Protein backbone atom coordinates (compact mmCIF):
# COMPACT_ATOMS: atom_id res chain seq x y z
CA MET A 1 -1.84 -4.10 -18.81
CA ARG A 2 -4.85 -2.79 -16.48
CA TYR A 3 -6.66 1.16 -16.89
CA ILE A 4 -8.16 3.07 -14.87
CA ASN A 5 -10.42 6.37 -15.03
CA CYS A 6 -9.05 9.21 -13.19
CA ASN A 7 -11.73 12.38 -12.57
CA GLY A 8 -12.79 11.46 -16.16
CA ASN A 9 -9.87 10.12 -17.96
CA ILE A 10 -8.32 6.68 -18.77
CA TYR A 11 -4.74 5.99 -17.56
CA ASN A 12 -2.32 2.89 -17.31
CA GLU A 13 -2.77 2.29 -13.66
CA TYR A 14 0.91 2.53 -13.49
CA GLU A 15 0.98 6.51 -14.15
CA THR A 16 1.71 8.57 -11.36
CA LEU A 17 -1.35 10.81 -11.35
CA LEU A 18 -2.02 12.04 -7.57
CA PRO A 19 0.55 14.11 -5.74
CA VAL A 20 2.04 13.28 -2.43
CA GLY A 21 0.07 16.38 -0.89
CA ASN A 22 -3.56 14.48 -1.79
CA ARG A 23 -5.65 14.23 1.14
CA GLY A 24 -6.50 10.56 0.22
CA PHE A 25 -3.10 9.66 0.85
CA LYS A 26 -2.19 12.43 3.44
CA TYR A 27 -5.48 12.07 6.07
CA GLY A 28 -7.62 9.25 4.41
CA ASP A 29 -9.85 12.09 3.40
CA GLY A 30 -12.26 10.20 1.35
CA PHE A 31 -14.56 7.11 0.91
CA PHE A 32 -15.18 4.04 -1.69
CA GLU A 33 -17.58 2.04 -2.88
CA THR A 34 -17.10 -1.59 -4.41
CA ILE A 35 -20.12 -2.71 -7.08
CA ALA A 36 -20.40 -6.08 -8.76
CA MET A 37 -20.97 -6.01 -12.13
CA PHE A 38 -22.60 -9.22 -14.40
CA ASN A 39 -22.70 -9.09 -18.03
CA ARG A 40 -21.70 -5.28 -18.09
CA LYS A 41 -25.10 -4.61 -15.74
CA MET A 42 -24.26 -3.31 -11.94
CA PRO A 43 -27.74 -4.22 -10.87
CA LEU A 44 -27.10 -2.66 -7.00
CA LEU A 45 -26.01 0.72 -8.84
CA ASP A 46 -28.79 2.56 -7.35
CA PHE A 47 -28.08 1.37 -3.84
CA HIS A 48 -24.31 2.44 -4.60
CA TRP A 49 -25.29 6.02 -5.62
CA SER A 50 -27.71 6.47 -3.15
CA ARG A 51 -24.78 5.58 -0.08
CA VAL A 52 -22.53 8.08 -2.40
CA GLU A 53 -25.03 10.84 -2.40
CA PHE A 54 -25.62 10.40 1.64
CA THR A 55 -21.77 9.57 2.55
CA ALA A 56 -20.52 13.08 0.66
CA GLU A 57 -23.12 14.92 2.11
CA VAL A 58 -22.06 13.60 5.87
CA LEU A 59 -18.67 14.30 4.96
CA SER A 60 -19.40 18.03 3.74
CA THR A 61 -17.90 17.23 0.37
CA VAL A 62 -19.07 18.25 -3.31
CA LEU A 63 -19.37 15.47 -5.59
CA PRO A 64 -17.40 16.34 -8.94
CA ARG A 65 -19.67 18.97 -11.23
CA ARG A 66 -19.58 16.57 -14.12
CA LEU A 67 -20.30 13.05 -12.35
CA ASP A 68 -23.80 11.81 -11.83
CA MET A 69 -25.02 7.90 -12.06
CA GLU A 70 -25.55 7.84 -16.21
CA ARG A 71 -22.04 9.38 -16.39
CA PHE A 72 -20.49 7.01 -14.15
CA GLU A 73 -22.07 4.15 -15.73
CA SER A 74 -20.80 5.02 -19.19
CA MET A 75 -17.29 5.18 -18.03
CA VAL A 76 -17.44 1.96 -16.48
CA LEU A 77 -18.38 0.31 -19.68
CA ASP A 78 -15.74 2.57 -21.37
CA LEU A 79 -13.13 0.99 -18.82
CA ALA A 80 -14.31 -2.41 -19.27
CA SER A 81 -13.65 -2.67 -23.02
CA VAL A 82 -10.32 -1.39 -22.74
CA ASN A 83 -9.78 -4.19 -20.16
CA ASP A 84 -10.07 -7.02 -22.33
CA ALA A 85 -13.79 -6.10 -22.78
CA VAL A 86 -14.21 -7.35 -18.90
CA LYS A 87 -18.22 -8.65 -18.51
CA ASN A 88 -18.14 -9.52 -15.30
CA ALA A 89 -15.79 -7.55 -12.37
CA ARG A 90 -15.39 -6.06 -9.40
CA VAL A 91 -15.34 -2.35 -9.94
CA ARG A 92 -14.31 0.14 -7.25
CA LEU A 93 -14.82 3.68 -7.41
CA GLN A 94 -12.57 6.20 -5.18
CA PHE A 95 -13.51 9.70 -3.67
CA PHE A 96 -10.93 11.75 -2.24
CA ARG A 97 -11.20 15.68 -1.18
CA LYS A 98 -8.94 17.77 -3.48
CA GLY A 99 -7.13 20.53 -2.68
CA GLY A 100 -5.00 21.05 0.37
CA GLY A 101 -5.12 22.23 4.31
CA LEU A 102 -4.13 20.14 7.46
CA TYR A 103 -6.88 18.64 9.04
CA LEU A 104 -9.27 21.67 8.18
CA PRO A 105 -9.64 21.35 4.40
CA ASP A 106 -9.60 24.57 1.83
CA GLU A 107 -12.15 22.82 -0.85
CA ASP A 108 -14.81 20.59 -0.51
CA GLU A 109 -15.15 19.15 -4.28
CA LEU A 110 -13.97 15.50 -5.02
CA GLY A 111 -11.71 14.00 -7.42
CA TYR A 112 -12.11 10.19 -7.98
CA VAL A 113 -10.82 7.30 -9.19
CA ILE A 114 -12.38 4.23 -11.19
CA SER A 115 -10.72 0.84 -11.08
CA ILE A 116 -12.28 -2.69 -12.39
CA ASP A 117 -10.56 -6.14 -11.49
CA LYS A 118 -12.29 -9.19 -13.76
CA LEU A 119 -14.73 -11.61 -11.68
CA ASP A 120 -14.84 -15.30 -12.48
CA ASN A 121 -18.95 -15.82 -11.78
CA ASP A 122 -21.42 -14.18 -13.88
CA CYS A 123 -24.07 -14.65 -10.55
CA PHE A 124 -23.87 -14.56 -6.78
CA THR A 125 -22.92 -17.56 -5.33
CA GLU A 126 -23.20 -18.45 -1.72
CA GLY A 127 -19.74 -20.59 -2.09
CA ALA A 128 -18.75 -23.33 -0.14
CA GLY A 129 -18.62 -22.20 3.25
CA LEU A 130 -16.03 -20.25 4.98
CA THR A 131 -13.85 -20.31 8.43
CA ALA A 132 -14.35 -17.95 10.59
CA GLY A 133 -12.93 -16.83 13.91
CA ILE A 134 -13.65 -13.84 17.01
CA ARG A 135 -10.95 -11.22 18.00
CA GLU A 136 -11.84 -9.82 20.91
CA ASP A 137 -8.87 -7.12 21.09
CA CYS A 138 -9.97 -5.23 17.88
CA TYR A 139 -12.91 -3.23 18.59
CA LYS A 140 -14.66 -0.78 15.90
CA PRO A 141 -15.56 1.98 17.46
CA VAL A 142 -19.34 3.96 17.05
CA SER A 143 -19.27 6.88 15.76
CA MET A 144 -21.51 9.05 13.33
CA VAL A 145 -19.19 7.79 10.54
CA SER A 146 -18.85 3.85 11.22
CA ASP A 147 -21.42 3.32 9.08
CA LEU A 148 -19.84 4.88 6.19
CA LYS A 149 -17.31 2.98 4.06
CA THR A 150 -14.22 5.43 4.19
CA THR A 151 -10.83 4.95 3.72
CA GLY A 152 -9.66 4.69 7.01
CA CYS A 153 -9.25 1.14 6.76
CA LEU A 154 -6.51 0.02 9.72
CA SER A 155 -8.86 -2.11 11.89
CA TYR A 156 -9.88 -4.04 8.59
CA ILE A 157 -6.37 -4.27 7.36
CA MET A 158 -5.18 -5.88 11.42
CA ALA A 159 -8.10 -7.95 11.19
CA ALA A 160 -7.49 -9.64 8.28
CA GLN A 161 -4.18 -10.16 8.78
CA PHE A 162 -5.02 -11.93 12.19
CA ALA A 163 -7.48 -14.08 10.19
CA LYS A 164 -4.47 -14.86 7.68
CA ALA A 165 -1.99 -15.91 10.68
CA GLU A 166 -4.98 -18.29 12.24
CA GLY A 167 -5.99 -19.66 8.59
CA TRP A 168 -9.40 -18.37 8.98
CA ASP A 169 -11.14 -16.55 5.72
CA GLU A 170 -13.18 -13.98 8.11
CA ILE A 171 -13.35 -12.50 11.14
CA ILE A 172 -16.60 -11.15 13.47
CA MET A 173 -15.45 -7.80 14.47
CA LEU A 174 -17.19 -6.57 18.19
CA ASN A 175 -17.81 -3.07 18.57
CA HIS A 176 -16.55 -1.16 21.89
CA TYR A 177 -19.60 -2.78 23.81
CA THR A 178 -18.53 -6.52 22.84
CA GLN A 179 -21.49 -6.51 20.40
CA ILE A 180 -21.40 -8.05 16.84
CA CYS A 181 -20.39 -5.38 14.52
CA GLU A 182 -19.42 -6.93 11.00
CA ALA A 183 -16.99 -9.14 9.40
CA ILE A 184 -13.99 -8.18 7.75
CA HIS A 185 -15.74 -7.63 4.20
CA SER A 186 -19.24 -8.20 4.92
CA ASN A 187 -22.06 -7.39 7.03
CA VAL A 188 -23.81 -10.23 9.22
CA ILE A 189 -27.11 -11.94 9.56
CA VAL A 190 -27.57 -14.48 12.66
CA VAL A 191 -30.01 -17.18 11.97
CA LYS A 192 -31.87 -18.70 14.38
CA ASN A 193 -35.30 -21.33 14.24
CA ASP A 194 -35.72 -19.52 10.71
CA LYS A 195 -35.45 -16.11 11.96
CA LEU A 196 -32.93 -13.44 10.49
CA ILE A 197 -30.90 -11.09 12.81
CA THR A 198 -28.41 -8.28 11.51
CA PRO A 199 -26.59 -5.75 14.08
CA ASP A 200 -28.44 -2.37 13.84
CA LEU A 201 -26.15 0.71 12.60
CA ASP A 202 -25.73 1.67 16.11
CA SER A 203 -24.09 -1.57 16.85
CA GLY A 204 -21.01 0.44 14.02
CA CYS A 205 -21.24 -1.82 11.31
CA VAL A 206 -20.96 -0.21 7.55
CA ASN A 207 -24.51 0.80 6.02
CA GLY A 208 -24.32 -2.26 3.26
CA VAL A 209 -25.75 -1.96 -0.01
CA MET A 210 -26.47 -5.55 0.23
CA ARG A 211 -27.86 -5.83 3.77
CA THR A 212 -29.86 -2.55 2.79
CA TYR A 213 -31.28 -4.28 -0.46
CA LEU A 214 -32.19 -7.80 1.92
CA MET A 215 -33.66 -5.45 4.42
CA ALA A 216 -36.27 -4.07 1.59
CA MET A 217 -36.45 -7.32 0.06
CA LEU A 218 -37.37 -8.83 3.04
CA ASP A 219 -39.30 -6.68 4.88
CA ALA A 220 -40.35 -7.87 8.33
CA GLY A 221 -38.36 -10.63 7.77
CA LEU A 222 -34.93 -9.49 8.65
CA GLU A 223 -34.64 -8.10 12.23
CA GLU A 224 -32.31 -5.22 13.08
CA ARG A 225 -30.85 -4.84 16.75
CA PRO A 226 -28.27 -5.02 18.90
CA ILE A 227 -26.62 -9.07 18.59
CA GLU A 228 -24.61 -10.28 21.85
CA MET A 229 -21.72 -12.78 21.15
CA GLN A 230 -23.99 -15.53 22.51
CA GLU A 231 -26.51 -15.20 20.30
CA LEU A 232 -23.70 -15.73 17.14
CA LEU A 233 -22.43 -18.65 18.93
CA ASN A 234 -25.85 -20.61 19.32
CA ALA A 235 -27.05 -19.51 16.05
CA ASP A 236 -28.38 -22.34 13.37
CA GLU A 237 -26.27 -20.27 10.30
CA ILE A 238 -24.28 -16.97 10.18
CA LEU A 239 -24.39 -15.40 6.96
CA LEU A 240 -21.92 -12.67 5.67
CA THR A 241 -23.95 -10.20 2.62
CA ASN A 242 -21.41 -8.22 0.64
CA ALA A 243 -22.13 -6.06 -2.91
CA VAL A 244 -19.78 -8.02 -4.45
CA ARG A 245 -19.88 -11.24 -2.81
CA GLY A 246 -23.81 -11.97 -2.44
CA VAL A 247 -24.68 -13.65 0.50
CA GLN A 248 -22.29 -16.08 2.08
CA TRP A 249 -22.24 -18.54 4.73
CA VAL A 250 -19.82 -19.11 7.98
CA LYS A 251 -19.39 -23.00 8.20
CA VAL A 252 -16.73 -23.13 10.98
CA LEU A 253 -16.66 -20.52 14.08
CA GLY A 254 -14.53 -22.29 16.67
CA SER A 255 -15.29 -25.63 17.46
CA ARG A 256 -19.18 -24.95 15.76
CA THR A 257 -20.46 -26.02 12.26
CA TYR A 258 -23.43 -24.35 10.55
CA THR A 259 -25.93 -24.80 8.29
CA ASN A 260 -26.39 -23.18 4.98
CA LYS A 261 -30.56 -23.48 4.34
CA LYS A 262 -30.85 -19.80 4.48
CA ALA A 263 -28.09 -18.69 2.35
CA VAL A 264 -28.73 -20.82 -0.61
CA GLU A 265 -32.39 -19.66 -0.57
CA LEU A 266 -31.16 -15.53 -0.52
CA THR A 267 -28.73 -16.33 -3.07
CA ALA A 268 -31.63 -18.07 -5.28
CA LEU A 269 -33.51 -14.78 -4.77
CA LEU A 270 -31.04 -12.50 -5.17
CA ASN A 271 -30.03 -13.93 -8.90
CA LYS A 272 -34.01 -13.55 -9.43
CA SER A 273 -34.31 -10.51 -8.54
CA LEU A 274 -31.04 -9.00 -9.96
CA THR A 275 -29.24 -10.67 -12.22
CA GLU A 276 -31.95 -12.61 -14.17
CA THR A 277 -33.74 -8.86 -14.71
CA ALA A 278 -30.75 -7.76 -16.08
CA ASP A 279 -30.39 -9.67 -18.99
């Protein structure tokens, strides 16, 4: 049996805790973070918590009074202990606006649920290469919340269903300008002649934690700007970055095959700077 933490208390995952009137259920009025834990450490937690605070402010919500980063870390470790002493996990922290109301909320404080799923790996790995495709009729709109990890995920669900039907691991999603936006689970980096380029936030992509960390680590080595579809197709490498998976690479897109030199290099850098120093 798996256990979760709801508003500071531990329950088994099958207990009915949230009412039908919950705003996250009714309106998708919430947001979430997905965090990697390796050897009981969350190496990117500072970056995740900064995004939590930023998202709460943008959505005009109020974080729970008794929840801060240190308290959250302690609760995750307690939850890991009661879930078969898990050491490596995908941690999900989901917030929902409490109270009622219609589209206009009648209060702004957030409730939360913490859950964990075991990971088999204890560090980042670039993997064996992904098969990806592009669906050109399912665009992600660019808006004031397109860079946030809100719980309104229908476009990703539809893209994942389409990828499964086509036998793909991932889909490269476009924005409504038909520019490269992101993948289902990840931000995108295009590599051409050793130059790394990622879509800017005005392209509608999520402001990913791994993307943010890589931009800080590589400094001017990662350019941020709009990317047209032809640039993607002509790339030497296509990298997908994610806070849990690290840097993965696309092996096949359409009739093209791609290399993984930068994926291997960046994965080694991530493990050296994050997982090795976390011991």
